[in-house]
Amino acid sequence: MLKRQLKASGNMESIKRIAARRSQGEDALQVADMVAGAILRSVTTEDHSWYGPIRGKVMLWEYVCDESPPS
């Protein structure tokens, strides 16, 4: 489903392969999953209790509706 949506939006050119993996036993994947969950919760429910403490460590660029994304 994700691959289909990325292709439809034209955002597939830099992605070579998408694979589903279990995070059990893979620490880096568990961390990425937790960070993604914290970001999702922050955006969808405005609950910043999990994302707030790590925001400064993971923030490279933050989209604001009135700004253009970096090129």
PDB file of N, CA and C in Angstrom:
ATOM      1  N   MET A   1       0.817  -1.190   0.000  1.00  0.00           N
ATOM      2  CA  MET A   1       0.000   0.000   0.000  1.00  0.00           C
ATOM      3  C   MET A   1       0.867   1.263   0.000  1.00  0.00           C
ATOM      4  N   LEU A   2       1.889   1.295   0.855  1.00  0.00           N
ATOM      5  CA  LEU A   2       2.772   2.455   0.908  1.00  0.00           C
ATOM      6  C   LEU A   2       3.482   2.654  -0.423  1.00  0.00           C
ATOM      7  N   LYS A   3       3.977   1.553  -0.984  1.00  0.00           N
ATOM      8  CA  LYS A   3       4.687   1.637  -2.266  1.00  0.00           C
ATOM      9  C   LYS A   3       3.768   2.193  -3.355  1.00  0.00           C
ATOM     10  N   ARG A   4       2.516   1.744  -3.382  1.00  0.00           N
ATOM     11  CA  ARG A   4       1.550   2.218  -4.367  1.00  0.00           C
ATOM     12  C   ARG A   4       1.295   3.724  -4.204  1.00  0.00           C
ATOM     13  N   GLN A   5       1.148   4.175  -2.956  1.00  0.00           N
ATOM     14  CA  GLN A   5       0.909   5.592  -2.701  1.00  0.00           C
ATOM     15  C   GLN A   5       2.116   6.440  -3.090  1.00  0.00           C
ATOM     16  N   LEU A   6       3.313   5.954  -2.794  1.00  0.00           N
ATOM     17  CA  LEU A   6       4.519   6.695  -3.164  1.00  0.00           C
ATOM     18  C   LEU A   6       4.665   6.792  -4.679  1.00  0.00           C
ATOM     19  N   LYS A   7       4.366   5.701  -5.385  1.00  0.00           N
ATOM     20  CA  LYS A   7       4.433   5.730  -6.845  1.00  0.00           C
ATOM     21  C   LYS A   7       3.422   6.717  -7.409  1.00  0.00           C
ATOM     22  N   ALA A   8       2.209   6.703  -6.873  1.00  0.00           N
ATOM     23  CA  ALA A   8       1.149   7.585  -7.361  1.00  0.00           C
ATOM     24  C   ALA A   8       1.494   9.052  -7.132  1.00  0.00           C
ATOM     25  N   SER A   9       2.199   9.345  -6.045  1.00  0.00           N
ATOM     26  CA  SER A   9       2.545  10.739  -5.747  1.00  0.00           C
ATOM     27  C   SER A   9       3.853  11.172  -6.411  1.00  0.00           C
ATOM     28  N   GLY A  10       4.555  10.231  -7.056  1.00  0.00           N
ATOM     29  CA  GLY A  10       5.802  10.567  -7.737  1.00  0.00           C
ATOM     30  C   GLY A  10       7.000  10.655  -6.816  1.00  0.00           C
ATOM     31  N   ASN A  11       6.902  10.077  -5.624  1.00  0.00           N
ATOM     32  CA  ASN A  11       7.981  10.143  -4.637  1.00  0.00           C
ATOM     33  C   ASN A  11       8.782   8.856  -4.531  1.00  0.00           C
ATOM     34  N   MET A  12       8.764   8.028  -5.546  1.00  0.00           N
ATOM     35  CA  MET A  12       9.428   6.733  -5.496  1.00  0.00           C
ATOM     36  C   MET A  12      10.827   6.762  -6.095  1.00  0.00           C
ATOM     37  N   GLU A  13      11.247   7.851  -6.706  1.00  0.00           N
ATOM     38  CA  GLU A  13      12.522   7.855  -7.434  1.00  0.00           C
ATOM     39  C   GLU A  13      13.746   7.617  -6.550  1.00  0.00           C
ATOM     40  N   SER A  14      13.714   8.011  -5.293  1.00  0.00           N
ATOM     41  CA  SER A  14      14.886   7.821  -4.441  1.00  0.00           C
ATOM     42  C   SER A  14      14.792   6.558  -3.576  1.00  0.00           C
ATOM     43  N   ILE A  15      13.667   5.851  -3.647  1.00  0.00           N
ATOM     44  CA  ILE A  15      13.480   4.641  -2.851  1.00  0.00           C
ATOM     45  C   ILE A  15      13.613   3.434  -3.766  1.00  0.00           C
ATOM     46  N   LYS A  16      14.564   2.571  -3.454  1.00  0.00           N
ATOM     47  CA  LYS A  16      14.801   1.398  -4.289  1.00  0.00           C
ATOM     48  C   LYS A  16      13.946   0.202  -3.855  1.00  0.00           C
ATOM     49  N   ARG A  17      13.791   0.030  -2.538  1.00  0.00           N
ATOM     50  CA  ARG A  17      13.091  -1.151  -2.040  1.00  0.00           C
ATOM     51  C   ARG A  17      12.442  -0.848  -0.702  1.00  0.00           C
ATOM     52  N   ILE A  18      11.251  -1.343  -0.488  1.00  0.00           N
ATOM     53  CA  ILE A  18      10.568  -1.236   0.796  1.00  0.00           C
ATOM     54  C   ILE A  18      10.380  -2.657   1.317  1.00  0.00           C
ATOM     55  N   ALA A  19      10.822  -2.901   2.539  1.00  0.00           N
ATOM     56  CA  ALA A  19      10.711  -4.240   3.115  1.00  0.00           C
ATOM     57  C   ALA A  19      10.072  -4.152   4.494  1.00  0.00           C
ATOM     58  N   ALA A  20       9.179  -5.068   4.784  1.00  0.00           N
ATOM     59  CA  ALA A  20       8.595  -5.171   6.120  1.00  0.00           C
ATOM     60  C   ALA A  20       9.504  -6.063   6.958  1.00  0.00           C
ATOM     61  N   ARG A  21       9.836  -5.608   8.144  1.00  0.00           N
ATOM     62  CA  ARG A  21      10.733  -6.370   9.018  1.00  0.00           C
ATOM     63  C   ARG A  21      10.185  -6.355  10.436  1.00  0.00           C
ATOM     64  N   ARG A  22      10.437  -7.391  11.174  1.00  0.00           N
ATOM     65  CA  ARG A  22      10.102  -7.420  12.601  1.00  0.00           C
ATOM     66  C   ARG A  22      11.208  -6.685  13.352  1.00  0.00           C
ATOM     67  N   SER A  23      10.811  -5.855  14.300  1.00  0.00           N
ATOM     68  CA  SER A  23      11.812  -5.071  15.020  1.00  0.00           C
ATOM     69  C   SER A  23      12.437  -5.846  16.177  1.00  0.00           C
ATOM     70  N   GLN A  24      11.865  -6.991  16.533  1.00  0.00           N
ATOM     71  CA  GLN A  24      12.414  -7.785  17.634  1.00  0.00           C
ATOM     72  C   GLN A  24      13.845  -8.206  17.310  1.00  0.00           C
ATOM     73  N   GLY A  25      14.759  -7.826  18.165  1.00  0.00           N
ATOM     74  CA  GLY A  25      16.160  -8.184  17.959  1.00  0.00           C
ATOM     75  C   GLY A  25      16.940  -7.178  17.136  1.00  0.00           C
ATOM     76  N   GLU A  26      16.289  -6.160  16.621  1.00  0.00           N
ATOM     77  CA  GLU A  26      16.985  -5.135  15.844  1.00  0.00           C
ATOM     78  C   GLU A  26      16.784  -3.787  16.545  1.00  0.00           C
ATOM     79  N   ASP A  27      17.766  -3.406  17.362  1.00  0.00           N
ATOM     80  CA  ASP A  27      17.644  -2.220  18.204  1.00  0.00           C
ATOM     81  C   ASP A  27      17.400  -0.941  17.416  1.00  0.00           C
ATOM     82  N   ALA A  28      18.123  -0.756  16.323  1.00  0.00           N
ATOM     83  CA  ALA A  28      17.964   0.480  15.544  1.00  0.00           C
ATOM     84  C   ALA A  28      16.561   0.581  14.960  1.00  0.00           C
ATOM     85  N   LEU A  29      16.001  -0.524  14.544  1.00  0.00           N
ATOM     86  CA  LEU A  29      14.648  -0.527  13.999  1.00  0.00           C
ATOM     87  C   LEU A  29      13.621  -0.238  15.087  1.00  0.00           C
ATOM     88  N   GLN A  30      13.854  -0.743  16.291  1.00  0.00           N
ATOM     89  CA  GLN A  30      12.964  -0.449  17.413  1.00  0.00           C
ATOM     90  C   GLN A  30      12.985   1.043  17.744  1.00  0.00           C
ATOM     91  N   VAL A  31      14.166   1.637  17.734  1.00  0.00           N
ATOM     92  CA  VAL A  31      14.284   3.077  18.015  1.00  0.00           C
ATOM     93  C   VAL A  31      13.560   3.884  16.946  1.00  0.00           C
ATOM     94  N   ALA A  32      13.773   3.526  15.680  1.00  0.00           N
ATOM     95  CA  ALA A  32      13.099   4.234  14.583  1.00  0.00           C
ATOM     96  C   ALA A  32      11.589   4.109  14.713  1.00  0.00           C
ATOM     97  N   ASP A  33      11.091   2.951  15.092  1.00  0.00           N
ATOM     98  CA  ASP A  33       9.663   2.719  15.268  1.00  0.00           C
ATOM     99  C   ASP A  33       9.116   3.577  16.408  1.00  0.00           C
ATOM    100  N   MET A  34       9.852   3.655  17.512  1.00  0.00           N
ATOM    101  CA  MET A  34       9.406   4.464  18.650  1.00  0.00           C
ATOM    102  C   MET A  34       9.397   5.957  18.310  1.00  0.00           C
ATOM    103  N   VAL A  35      10.421   6.417  17.601  1.00  0.00           N
ATOM    104  CA  VAL A  35      10.482   7.828  17.205  1.00  0.00           C
ATOM    105  C   VAL A  35       9.332   8.154  16.258  1.00  0.00           C
ATOM    106  N   ALA A  36       9.082   7.274  15.279  1.00  0.00           N
ATOM    107  CA  ALA A  36       7.968   7.489  14.354  1.00  0.00           C
ATOM    108  C   ALA A  36       6.637   7.522  15.100  1.00  0.00           C
ATOM    109  N   GLY A  37       6.472   6.645  16.072  1.00  0.00           N
ATOM    110  CA  GLY A  37       5.247   6.638  16.875  1.00  0.00           C
ATOM    111  C   GLY A  37       5.090   7.912  17.686  1.00  0.00           C
ATOM    112  N   ALA A  38       6.183   8.417  18.250  1.00  0.00           N
ATOM    113  CA  ALA A  38       6.135   9.659  19.024  1.00  0.00           C
ATOM    114  C   ALA A  38       5.770  10.839  18.127  1.00  0.00           C
ATOM    115  N   ILE A  39       6.321  10.869  16.918  1.00  0.00           N
ATOM    116  CA  ILE A  39       6.006  11.944  15.973  1.00  0.00           C
ATOM    117  C   ILE A  39       4.537  11.857  15.563  1.00  0.00           C
ATOM    118  N   LEU A  40       4.065  10.657  15.239  1.00  0.00           N
ATOM    119  CA  LEU A  40       2.670  10.482  14.839  1.00  0.00           C
ATOM    120  C   LEU A  40       1.724  10.932  15.943  1.00  0.00           C
ATOM    121  N   ARG A  41       1.998  10.519  17.167  1.00  0.00           N
ATOM    122  CA  ARG A  41       1.133  10.913  18.292  1.00  0.00           C
ATOM    123  C   ARG A  41       1.149  12.424  18.492  1.00  0.00           C
ATOM    124  N   SER A  42       2.312  13.036  18.326  1.00  0.00           N
ATOM    125  CA  SER A  42       2.434  14.484  18.474  1.00  0.00           C
ATOM    126  C   SER A  42       1.615  15.220  17.423  1.00  0.00           C
ATOM    127  N   VAL A  43       1.656  14.715  16.198  1.00  0.00           N
ATOM    128  CA  VAL A  43       0.955  15.374  15.091  1.00  0.00           C
ATOM    129  C   VAL A  43      -0.551  15.124  15.145  1.00  0.00           C
ATOM    130  N   THR A  44      -0.962  13.898  15.442  1.00  0.00           N
ATOM    131  CA  THR A  44      -2.382  13.557  15.365  1.00  0.00           C
ATOM    132  C   THR A  44      -3.176  13.925  16.614  1.00  0.00           C
ATOM    133  N   THR A  45      -2.551  13.891  17.785  1.00  0.00           N
ATOM    134  CA  THR A  45      -3.295  14.165  19.019  1.00  0.00           C
ATOM    135  C   THR A  45      -2.808  15.409  19.747  1.00  0.00           C
ATOM    136  N   GLU A  46      -1.750  16.019  19.232  1.00  0.00           N
ATOM    137  CA  GLU A  46      -1.108  17.178  19.876  1.00  0.00           C
ATOM    138  C   GLU A  46      -0.613  16.845  21.280  1.00  0.00           C
ATOM    139  N   ASP A  47      -0.323  15.566  21.524  1.00  0.00           N
ATOM    140  CA  ASP A  47       0.288  15.129  22.777  1.00  0.00           C
ATOM    141  C   ASP A  47       1.795  15.099  22.554  1.00  0.00           C
ATOM    142  N   HIS A  48       2.503  16.088  23.077  1.00  0.00           N
ATOM    143  CA  HIS A  48       3.939  16.225  22.839  1.00  0.00           C
ATOM    144  C   HIS A  48       4.778  15.602  23.952  1.00  0.00           C
ATOM    145  N   SER A  49       4.145  14.830  24.851  1.00  0.00           N
ATOM    146  CA  SER A  49       4.871  14.293  26.003  1.00  0.00           C
ATOM    147  C   SER A  49       5.973  13.319  25.597  1.00  0.00           C
ATOM    148  N   TRP A  50       5.813  12.594  24.485  1.00  0.00           N
ATOM    149  CA  TRP A  50       6.842  11.652  24.060  1.00  0.00           C
ATOM    150  C   TRP A  50       7.792  12.280  23.055  1.00  0.00           C
ATOM    151  N   TYR A  51       7.288  13.114  22.173  1.00  0.00           N
ATOM    152  CA  TYR A  51       8.136  13.697  21.136  1.00  0.00           C
ATOM    153  C   TYR A  51       8.922  14.897  21.643  1.00  0.00           C
ATOM    154  N   GLY A  52       8.360  15.656  22.561  1.00  0.00           N
ATOM    155  CA  GLY A  52       9.026  16.851  23.084  1.00  0.00           C
ATOM    156  C   GLY A  52      10.454  16.620  23.554  1.00  0.00           C
ATOM    157  N   PRO A  53      10.688  15.604  24.393  1.00  0.00           N
ATOM    158  CA  PRO A  53      12.050  15.375  24.895  1.00  0.00           C
ATOM    159  C   PRO A  53      13.073  14.959  23.838  1.00  0.00           C
ATOM    160  N   ILE A  54      12.625  14.381  22.724  1.00  0.00           N
ATOM    161  CA  ILE A  54      13.582  13.932  21.705  1.00  0.00           C
ATOM    162  C   ILE A  54      13.606  14.825  20.467  1.00  0.00           C
ATOM    163  N   ARG A  55      12.734  15.821  20.415  1.00  0.00           N
ATOM    164  CA  ARG A  55      12.587  16.659  19.221  1.00  0.00           C
ATOM    165  C   ARG A  55      13.903  17.280  18.780  1.00  0.00           C
ATOM    166  N   GLY A  56      14.659  17.826  19.690  1.00  0.00           N
ATOM    167  CA  GLY A  56      15.927  18.469  19.354  1.00  0.00           C
ATOM    168  C   GLY A  56      16.967  17.508  18.788  1.00  0.00           C
ATOM    169  N   LYS A  57      16.843  16.245  19.116  1.00  0.00           N
ATOM    170  CA  LYS A  57      17.801  15.249  18.633  1.00  0.00           C
ATOM    171  C   LYS A  57      17.448  14.693  17.256  1.00  0.00           C
ATOM    172  N   VAL A  58      16.162  14.734  16.890  1.00  0.00           N
ATOM    173  CA  VAL A  58      15.746  14.148  15.619  1.00  0.00           C
ATOM    174  C   VAL A  58      15.329  15.184  14.584  1.00  0.00           C
ATOM    175  N   MET A  59      15.201  16.427  14.976  1.00  0.00           N
ATOM    176  CA  MET A  59      14.685  17.442  14.066  1.00  0.00           C
ATOM    177  C   MET A  59      15.763  17.925  13.099  1.00  0.00           C
ATOM    178  N   LEU A  60      15.554  17.682  11.829  1.00  0.00           N
ATOM    179  CA  LEU A  60      16.407  18.230  10.781  1.00  0.00           C
ATOM    180  C   LEU A  60      15.687  19.382  10.094  1.00  0.00           C
ATOM    181  N   TRP A  61      14.381  19.205   9.889  1.00  0.00           N
ATOM    182  CA  TRP A  61      13.573  20.208   9.214  1.00  0.00           C
ATOM    183  C   TRP A  61      12.132  19.965   9.591  1.00  0.00           C
ATOM    184  N   GLU A  62      11.413  21.020   9.880  1.00  0.00           N
ATOM    185  CA  GLU A  62      10.021  20.879  10.269  1.00  0.00           C
ATOM    186  C   GLU A  62       9.146  21.616   9.275  1.00  0.00           C
ATOM    187  N   TYR A  63       8.185  20.901   8.707  1.00  0.00           N
ATOM    188  CA  TYR A  63       7.277  21.498   7.726  1.00  0.00           C
ATOM    189  C   TYR A  63       6.283  22.416   8.411  1.00  0.00           C
ATOM    190  N   VAL A  64       6.164  23.622   7.880  1.00  0.00           N
ATOM    191  CA  VAL A  64       5.151  24.564   8.316  1.00  0.00           C
ATOM    192  C   VAL A  64       4.318  24.874   7.076  1.00  0.00           C
ATOM    193  N   CYS A  65       3.013  24.860   7.208  1.00  0.00           N
ATOM    194  CA  CYS A  65       2.120  24.954   6.045  1.00  0.00           C
ATOM    195  C   CYS A  65       2.408  26.142   5.119  1.00  0.00           C
ATOM    196  N   ASP A  66       2.905  27.237   5.630  1.00  0.00           N
ATOM    197  CA  ASP A  66       3.125  28.409   4.775  1.00  0.00           C
ATOM    198  C   ASP A  66       4.555  28.480   4.215  1.00  0.00           C
ATOM    199  N   GLU A  67       5.350  27.441   4.414  1.00  0.00           N
ATOM    200  CA  GLU A  67       6.719  27.424   3.896  1.00  0.00           C
ATOM    201  C   GLU A  67       6.883  26.360   2.830  1.00  0.00           C
ATOM    202  N   SER A  68       7.832  26.560   1.968  1.00  0.00           N
ATOM    203  CA  SER A  68       8.132  25.566   0.942  1.00  0.00           C
ATOM    204  C   SER A  68       9.126  24.556   1.492  1.00  0.00           C
ATOM    205  N   PRO A  69       8.981  23.291   1.108  1.00  0.00           N
ATOM    206  CA  PRO A  69       9.959  22.303   1.572  1.00  0.00           C
ATOM    207  C   PRO A  69      11.338  22.582   0.985  1.00  0.00           C
ATOM    208  N   PRO A  70      12.393  22.112   1.637  1.00  0.00           N
ATOM    209  CA  PRO A  70      13.734  22.325   1.102  1.00  0.00           C
ATOM    210  C   PRO A  70      13.907  21.562  -0.212  1.00  0.00           C
ATOM    211  N   SER A  71      14.739  22.094  -1.094  1.00  0.00           N
ATOM    212  CA  SER A  71      14.939  21.416  -2.377  1.00  0.00           C
ATOM    213  C   SER A  71      16.188  20.573  -2.371  1.00  0.00           C
TER     214      SER A  71
END
